[in-house]
Amino acid sequence: MTETTYGYVRVSTRDQREDRQILAMEQFGVERKNIFLDKQSGKDFNRPRYRRLIKRIREGDVLVIKSIDRLGRNYEDILEQWRLITKQKKAAIVVLDMPLLDTRQSRSLTGTLIADLVLQLLSYVAQTEREFLRQRQAEGIAAARKRGVRFGPPPKQRPENFVECLAAWKSGGISAREAARRLHVSHKTFLRWAEKTPGERFNLY
């Protein structure tokens, strides 16, 4: 059976261009018909073109990617896919931006071992960076909240007819639910606005 070289290209959004990755594949020698493209986040491997590619790969084939993050961004999942392709399917992976990540069968056993070790190291570094990033984000949010910074969507603005509806409700002319309906807000939102409105205090329920 003839060995086939495949290329996998991924961009995170439909607005991003894939030209640079495809050019790198073609310069490596991957035929255009064997390049699989997903325009989707790399959070997991539930991508249609990638799943189709994996089904097509056979023993002795080669999978080429521009960089390891084009395969995905979750390194635990990347390690799992790496083992699937290189160990179960007995195909090879070539990462163009990192020559050490090259498991083509023409390489020695030492070369394959080095590729596996490099991938493990990358996985550790990426995981550590993610943990540091989450910690810095949490610390930044805590510091901002201490300064009085509020997060989340801005509070809903009260419509022009709020005062009119509030007065009608206070006088008993309409119910709180009717006032909310006229203002196109929820019942709870109207009551919250009413409670925060300066003036005499009144029974909200």
C-alpha atoms as a PDB file:
ATOM      1  CA  MET A   1       0.000   0.000   0.000  1.00  0.00           C
ATOM      2  CA  THR A   2       1.339   3.438  -0.936  1.00  0.00           C
ATOM      3  CA  GLU A   3       2.150   5.721   1.962  1.00  0.00           C
ATOM      4  CA  THR A   4       0.355   9.065   1.939  1.00  0.00           C
ATOM      5  CA  THR A   5       1.431  12.396   3.401  1.00  0.00           C
ATOM      6  CA  TYR A   6      -1.405  14.446   4.864  1.00  0.00           C
ATOM      7  CA  GLY A   7      -1.471  18.004   6.116  1.00  0.00           C
ATOM      8  CA  TYR A   8      -3.692  19.419   8.844  1.00  0.00           C
ATOM      9  CA  VAL A   9      -4.470  23.131   9.016  1.00  0.00           C
ATOM     10  CA  ARG A  10      -6.527  24.870  11.680  1.00  0.00           C
ATOM     11  CA  VAL A  11      -7.545  28.483  12.234  1.00  0.00           C
ATOM     12  CA  SER A  12      -9.612  29.501  15.235  1.00  0.00           C
ATOM     13  CA  THR A  13     -12.185  31.663  13.450  1.00  0.00           C
ATOM     14  CA  ARG A  14     -13.601  32.007   9.957  1.00  0.00           C
ATOM     15  CA  ASP A  15     -12.019  35.470   9.739  1.00  0.00           C
ATOM     16  CA  GLN A  16      -8.468  34.147  10.123  1.00  0.00           C
ATOM     17  CA  ARG A  17      -6.441  33.239   7.052  1.00  0.00           C
ATOM     18  CA  GLU A  18      -5.036  29.767   6.545  1.00  0.00           C
ATOM     19  CA  ASP A  19      -2.793  30.690   3.568  1.00  0.00           C
ATOM     20  CA  ARG A  20       0.499  30.609   5.486  1.00  0.00           C
ATOM     21  CA  GLN A  21      -0.144  27.120   6.858  1.00  0.00           C
ATOM     22  CA  ILE A  22      -1.248  25.748   3.483  1.00  0.00           C
ATOM     23  CA  LEU A  23       1.823  27.243   1.774  1.00  0.00           C
ATOM     24  CA  ALA A  24       4.061  25.537   4.336  1.00  0.00           C
ATOM     25  CA  MET A  25       2.307  22.215   3.647  1.00  0.00           C
ATOM     26  CA  GLU A  26       2.756  22.543  -0.109  1.00  0.00           C
ATOM     27  CA  GLN A  27       6.419  23.509   0.285  1.00  0.00           C
ATOM     28  CA  PHE A  28       6.886  20.342   2.337  1.00  0.00           C
ATOM     29  CA  GLY A  29       5.336  18.350  -0.487  1.00  0.00           C
ATOM     30  CA  VAL A  30       1.798  17.715   0.724  1.00  0.00           C
ATOM     31  CA  GLU A  31      -0.682  17.562  -2.155  1.00  0.00           C
ATOM     32  CA  ARG A  32      -3.518  20.058  -1.895  1.00  0.00           C
ATOM     33  CA  LYS A  33      -6.127  17.275  -1.995  1.00  0.00           C
ATOM     34  CA  ASN A  34      -4.550  15.772   1.149  1.00  0.00           C
ATOM     35  CA  ILE A  35      -4.712  18.960   3.226  1.00  0.00           C
ATOM     36  CA  PHE A  36      -7.534  18.992   5.780  1.00  0.00           C
ATOM     37  CA  LEU A  37      -8.728  22.357   7.096  1.00  0.00           C
ATOM     38  CA  ASP A  38     -10.840  23.188  10.153  1.00  0.00           C
ATOM     39  CA  LYS A  39     -11.980  26.707  10.990  1.00  0.00           C
ATOM     40  CA  GLN A  40     -12.702  26.011  14.601  1.00  0.00           C
ATOM     41  CA  SER A  41     -11.364  26.495  18.125  1.00  0.00           C
ATOM     42  CA  GLY A  42      -8.672  24.115  19.318  1.00  0.00           C
ATOM     43  CA  LYS A  43     -10.315  23.501  22.688  1.00  0.00           C
ATOM     44  CA  ASP A  44     -11.011  19.862  21.764  1.00  0.00           C
ATOM     45  CA  PHE A  45     -10.707  17.421  18.877  1.00  0.00           C
ATOM     46  CA  ASN A  46     -14.381  17.277  17.976  1.00  0.00           C
ATOM     47  CA  ARG A  47     -13.711  18.872  14.577  1.00  0.00           C
ATOM     48  CA  PRO A  48     -15.255  17.421  11.402  1.00  0.00           C
ATOM     49  CA  ARG A  49     -12.244  17.594   9.085  1.00  0.00           C
ATOM     50  CA  TYR A  50      -9.840  16.384  11.745  1.00  0.00           C
ATOM     51  CA  ARG A  51     -12.079  13.400  12.553  1.00  0.00           C
ATOM     52  CA  ARG A  52     -12.255  12.574   8.847  1.00  0.00           C
ATOM     53  CA  LEU A  53      -8.465  12.820   8.588  1.00  0.00           C
ATOM     54  CA  ILE A  54      -7.920  10.456  11.516  1.00  0.00           C
ATOM     55  CA  LYS A  55     -10.221   7.870   9.927  1.00  0.00           C
ATOM     56  CA  ARG A  56      -8.200   8.050   6.712  1.00  0.00           C
ATOM     57  CA  ILE A  57      -4.696   7.772   8.182  1.00  0.00           C
ATOM     58  CA  ARG A  58      -3.110   4.336   7.820  1.00  0.00           C
ATOM     59  CA  GLU A  59       0.116   2.694   8.941  1.00  0.00           C
ATOM     60  CA  GLY A  60       3.150   4.316   7.328  1.00  0.00           C
ATOM     61  CA  ASP A  61       1.356   7.586   6.492  1.00  0.00           C
ATOM     62  CA  VAL A  62       2.703  10.964   7.588  1.00  0.00           C
ATOM     63  CA  LEU A  63       0.758  13.805   9.180  1.00  0.00           C
ATOM     64  CA  VAL A  64       2.260  17.288   8.786  1.00  0.00           C
ATOM     65  CA  ILE A  65       1.261  20.302  10.911  1.00  0.00           C
ATOM     66  CA  LYS A  66       2.765  23.790  10.961  1.00  0.00           C
ATOM     67  CA  SER A  67       3.016  24.036  14.750  1.00  0.00           C
ATOM     68  CA  ILE A  68       1.879  21.932  17.681  1.00  0.00           C
ATOM     69  CA  ASP A  69      -0.832  24.427  18.685  1.00  0.00           C
ATOM     70  CA  ARG A  70      -2.508  23.930  15.286  1.00  0.00           C
ATOM     71  CA  LEU A  71      -3.251  20.405  16.431  1.00  0.00           C
ATOM     72  CA  GLY A  72      -4.944  21.739  19.565  1.00  0.00           C
ATOM     73  CA  ARG A  73      -4.461  23.837  22.662  1.00  0.00           C
ATOM     74  CA  ASN A  74      -5.195  21.233  25.337  1.00  0.00           C
ATOM     75  CA  TYR A  75      -1.921  19.373  25.723  1.00  0.00           C
ATOM     76  CA  GLU A  76      -3.431  16.399  27.536  1.00  0.00           C
ATOM     77  CA  ASP A  77      -5.640  15.857  24.485  1.00  0.00           C
ATOM     78  CA  ILE A  78      -2.674  16.454  22.173  1.00  0.00           C
ATOM     79  CA  LEU A  79      -0.682  13.747  23.951  1.00  0.00           C
ATOM     80  CA  GLU A  80      -3.617  11.358  23.560  1.00  0.00           C
ATOM     81  CA  GLN A  81      -3.915  12.092  19.828  1.00  0.00           C
ATOM     82  CA  TRP A  82      -0.142  11.841  19.434  1.00  0.00           C
ATOM     83  CA  ARG A  83      -0.225   8.335  20.909  1.00  0.00           C
ATOM     84  CA  LEU A  84      -3.230   7.412  18.771  1.00  0.00           C
ATOM     85  CA  ILE A  85      -1.477   8.415  15.554  1.00  0.00           C
ATOM     86  CA  THR A  86       2.059   7.232  16.283  1.00  0.00           C
ATOM     87  CA  LYS A  87       1.422   4.149  18.436  1.00  0.00           C
ATOM     88  CA  GLN A  88      -1.992   2.775  17.454  1.00  0.00           C
ATOM     89  CA  LYS A  89      -2.141   3.774  13.810  1.00  0.00           C
ATOM     90  CA  LYS A  90       1.654   3.543  13.430  1.00  0.00           C
ATOM     91  CA  ALA A  91       1.772   6.690  11.324  1.00  0.00           C
ATOM     92  CA  ALA A  92       4.275   9.541  11.713  1.00  0.00           C
ATOM     93  CA  ILE A  93       3.893  13.191  12.699  1.00  0.00           C
ATOM     94  CA  VAL A  94       6.020  16.087  11.487  1.00  0.00           C
ATOM     95  CA  VAL A  95       5.786  19.507  13.182  1.00  0.00           C
ATOM     96  CA  LEU A  96       7.345  21.982  10.758  1.00  0.00           C
ATOM     97  CA  ASP A  97       8.142  24.702  13.304  1.00  0.00           C
ATOM     98  CA  MET A  98       9.940  22.240  15.587  1.00  0.00           C
ATOM     99  CA  PRO A  99      12.211  19.756  13.744  1.00  0.00           C
ATOM    100  CA  LEU A 100      12.677  17.661  16.899  1.00  0.00           C
ATOM    101  CA  LEU A 101       8.987  16.736  16.697  1.00  0.00           C
ATOM    102  CA  ASP A 102       9.427  14.403  13.744  1.00  0.00           C
ATOM    103  CA  THR A 103       8.574  10.721  14.177  1.00  0.00           C
ATOM    104  CA  ARG A 104       8.942   9.522  10.582  1.00  0.00           C
ATOM    105  CA  GLN A 105       9.865   5.871  10.497  1.00  0.00           C
ATOM    106  CA  SER A 106      13.086   6.612   8.663  1.00  0.00           C
ATOM    107  CA  ARG A 107      14.379   8.144  11.896  1.00  0.00           C
ATOM    108  CA  SER A 108      16.115   6.060  14.526  1.00  0.00           C
ATOM    109  CA  LEU A 109      14.489   4.828  17.714  1.00  0.00           C
ATOM    110  CA  THR A 110      16.475   7.523  19.534  1.00  0.00           C
ATOM    111  CA  GLY A 111      14.930  10.199  17.335  1.00  0.00           C
ATOM    112  CA  THR A 112      11.423   8.944  18.059  1.00  0.00           C
ATOM    113  CA  LEU A 113      12.190   8.889  21.791  1.00  0.00           C
ATOM    114  CA  ILE A 114      13.484  12.465  21.626  1.00  0.00           C
ATOM    115  CA  ALA A 115      10.263  13.565  19.866  1.00  0.00           C
ATOM    116  CA  ASP A 116       8.162  11.970  22.597  1.00  0.00           C
ATOM    117  CA  LEU A 117      10.242  13.603  25.344  1.00  0.00           C
ATOM    118  CA  VAL A 118      10.044  17.026  23.676  1.00  0.00           C
ATOM    119  CA  LEU A 119       6.270  16.714  23.432  1.00  0.00           C
ATOM    120  CA  GLN A 120       6.050  15.760  27.112  1.00  0.00           C
ATOM    121  CA  LEU A 121       8.170  18.788  28.001  1.00  0.00           C
ATOM    122  CA  LEU A 122       5.998  21.084  25.900  1.00  0.00           C
ATOM    123  CA  SER A 123       2.949  19.664  27.637  1.00  0.00           C
ATOM    124  CA  TYR A 124       4.411  20.407  31.065  1.00  0.00           C
ATOM    125  CA  VAL A 125       5.428  23.953  30.129  1.00  0.00           C
ATOM    126  CA  ALA A 126       2.027  24.712  28.576  1.00  0.00           C
ATOM    127  CA  GLN A 127       0.167  23.362  31.606  1.00  0.00           C
ATOM    128  CA  THR A 128       2.358  25.389  33.967  1.00  0.00           C
ATOM    129  CA  GLU A 129       1.789  28.552  31.898  1.00  0.00           C
ATOM    130  CA  ARG A 130      -1.981  27.999  31.968  1.00  0.00           C
ATOM    131  CA  GLU A 131      -1.916  27.605  35.753  1.00  0.00           C
ATOM    132  CA  PHE A 132       0.164  30.775  36.146  1.00  0.00           C
ATOM    133  CA  LEU A 133      -2.195  32.628  33.815  1.00  0.00           C
ATOM    134  CA  ARG A 134      -5.267  31.546  35.795  1.00  0.00           C
ATOM    135  CA  GLN A 135      -3.535  32.584  39.023  1.00  0.00           C
ATOM    136  CA  ARG A 136      -2.603  36.012  37.626  1.00  0.00           C
ATOM    137  CA  GLN A 137      -6.140  36.513  36.318  1.00  0.00           C
ATOM    138  CA  ALA A 138      -7.641  35.601  39.703  1.00  0.00           C
ATOM    139  CA  GLU A 139      -5.238  37.945  41.502  1.00  0.00           C
ATOM    140  CA  GLY A 140      -5.982  40.745  39.028  1.00  0.00           C
ATOM    141  CA  ILE A 141      -9.742  40.336  39.410  1.00  0.00           C
ATOM    142  CA  ALA A 142      -9.454  40.301  43.223  1.00  0.00           C
ATOM    143  CA  ALA A 143      -7.344  43.477  43.180  1.00  0.00           C
ATOM    144  CA  ALA A 144      -9.760  45.202  40.781  1.00  0.00           C
ATOM    145  CA  ARG A 145     -12.761  44.308  42.934  1.00  0.00           C
ATOM    146  CA  LYS A 146     -10.984  45.726  45.966  1.00  0.00           C
ATOM    147  CA  ARG A 147     -10.623  48.995  44.013  1.00  0.00           C
ATOM    148  CA  GLY A 148     -14.344  48.969  43.319  1.00  0.00           C
ATOM    149  CA  VAL A 149     -14.208  47.766  39.715  1.00  0.00           C
ATOM    150  CA  ARG A 150     -17.354  45.909  38.710  1.00  0.00           C
ATOM    151  CA  PHE A 151     -17.381  42.998  36.288  1.00  0.00           C
ATOM    152  CA  GLY A 152     -20.157  41.729  34.093  1.00  0.00           C
ATOM    153  CA  PRO A 153     -22.602  43.514  31.792  1.00  0.00           C
ATOM    154  CA  PRO A 154     -23.511  47.145  32.596  1.00  0.00           C
ATOM    155  CA  PRO A 155     -26.737  47.625  34.555  1.00  0.00           C
ATOM    156  CA  LYS A 156     -29.882  47.939  32.450  1.00  0.00           C
ATOM    157  CA  GLN A 157     -30.963  51.544  31.931  1.00  0.00           C
ATOM    158  CA  ARG A 158     -34.374  52.526  33.215  1.00  0.00           C
ATOM    159  CA  PRO A 159     -36.831  53.436  30.441  1.00  0.00           C
ATOM    160  CA  GLU A 160     -38.210  56.961  30.187  1.00  0.00           C
ATOM    161  CA  ASN A 161     -41.622  55.847  31.420  1.00  0.00           C
ATOM    162  CA  PHE A 162     -40.217  54.262  34.573  1.00  0.00           C
ATOM    163  CA  VAL A 163     -41.202  57.148  36.863  1.00  0.00           C
ATOM    164  CA  GLU A 164     -44.721  57.135  35.438  1.00  0.00           C
ATOM    165  CA  CYS A 165     -45.094  53.373  35.953  1.00  0.00           C
ATOM    166  CA  LEU A 166     -43.566  53.580  39.433  1.00  0.00           C
ATOM    167  CA  ALA A 167     -46.042  56.271  40.455  1.00  0.00           C
ATOM    168  CA  ALA A 168     -48.960  54.257  39.059  1.00  0.00           C
ATOM    169  CA  TRP A 169     -47.815  51.203  40.960  1.00  0.00           C
ATOM    170  CA  LYS A 170     -47.283  53.110  44.218  1.00  0.00           C
ATOM    171  CA  SER A 171     -50.763  54.585  43.998  1.00  0.00           C
ATOM    172  CA  GLY A 172     -52.249  51.119  43.472  1.00  0.00           C
ATOM    173  CA  GLY A 173     -53.318  51.812  39.912  1.00  0.00           C
ATOM    174  CA  ILE A 174     -51.355  48.905  38.441  1.00  0.00           C
ATOM    175  CA  SER A 175     -49.608  45.808  39.758  1.00  0.00           C
ATOM    176  CA  ALA A 176     -45.856  45.364  39.844  1.00  0.00           C
ATOM    177  CA  ARG A 177     -46.114  42.761  37.081  1.00  0.00           C
ATOM    178  CA  GLU A 178     -48.093  45.152  34.882  1.00  0.00           C
ATOM    179  CA  ALA A 179     -45.497  47.870  35.490  1.00  0.00           C
ATOM    180  CA  ALA A 180     -42.752  45.428  34.505  1.00  0.00           C
ATOM    181  CA  ARG A 181     -44.677  44.477  31.347  1.00  0.00           C
ATOM    182  CA  ARG A 182     -45.003  48.125  30.320  1.00  0.00           C
ATOM    183  CA  LEU A 183     -41.288  48.640  30.901  1.00  0.00           C
ATOM    184  CA  HIS A 184     -40.359  45.441  29.022  1.00  0.00           C
ATOM    185  CA  VAL A 185     -38.345  44.133  31.967  1.00  0.00           C
ATOM    186  CA  SER A 186     -38.737  41.262  34.388  1.00  0.00           C
ATOM    187  CA  HIS A 187     -40.846  41.505  37.528  1.00  0.00           C
ATOM    188  CA  LYS A 188     -37.705  41.220  39.685  1.00  0.00           C
ATOM    189  CA  THR A 189     -35.942  43.998  37.772  1.00  0.00           C
ATOM    190  CA  PHE A 190     -38.834  46.394  38.309  1.00  0.00           C
ATOM    191  CA  LEU A 191     -38.942  45.636  42.046  1.00  0.00           C
ATOM    192  CA  ARG A 192     -35.185  46.111  42.320  1.00  0.00           C
ATOM    193  CA  TRP A 193     -35.418  49.484  40.581  1.00  0.00           C
ATOM    194  CA  ALA A 194     -38.321  50.492  42.800  1.00  0.00           C
ATOM    195  CA  GLU A 195     -36.425  49.550  45.945  1.00  0.00           C
ATOM    196  CA  LYS A 196     -33.438  51.667  44.921  1.00  0.00           C
ATOM    197  CA  THR A 197     -35.518  54.699  43.965  1.00  0.00           C
ATOM    198  CA  PRO A 198     -35.126  57.570  46.476  1.00  0.00           C
ATOM    199  CA  GLY A 199     -38.245  58.638  48.310  1.00  0.00           C
ATOM    200  CA  GLU A 200     -40.615  57.168  50.813  1.00  0.00           C
ATOM    201  CA  ARG A 201     -40.271  53.499  51.593  1.00  0.00           C
ATOM    202  CA  PHE A 202     -43.127  51.265  50.656  1.00  0.00           C
ATOM    203  CA  ASN A 203     -44.104  47.610  50.684  1.00  0.00           C
ATOM    204  CA  LEU A 204     -42.601  45.968  47.584  1.00  0.00           C
ATOM    205  CA  TYR A 205     -44.717  42.855  47.864  1.00  0.00           C
END
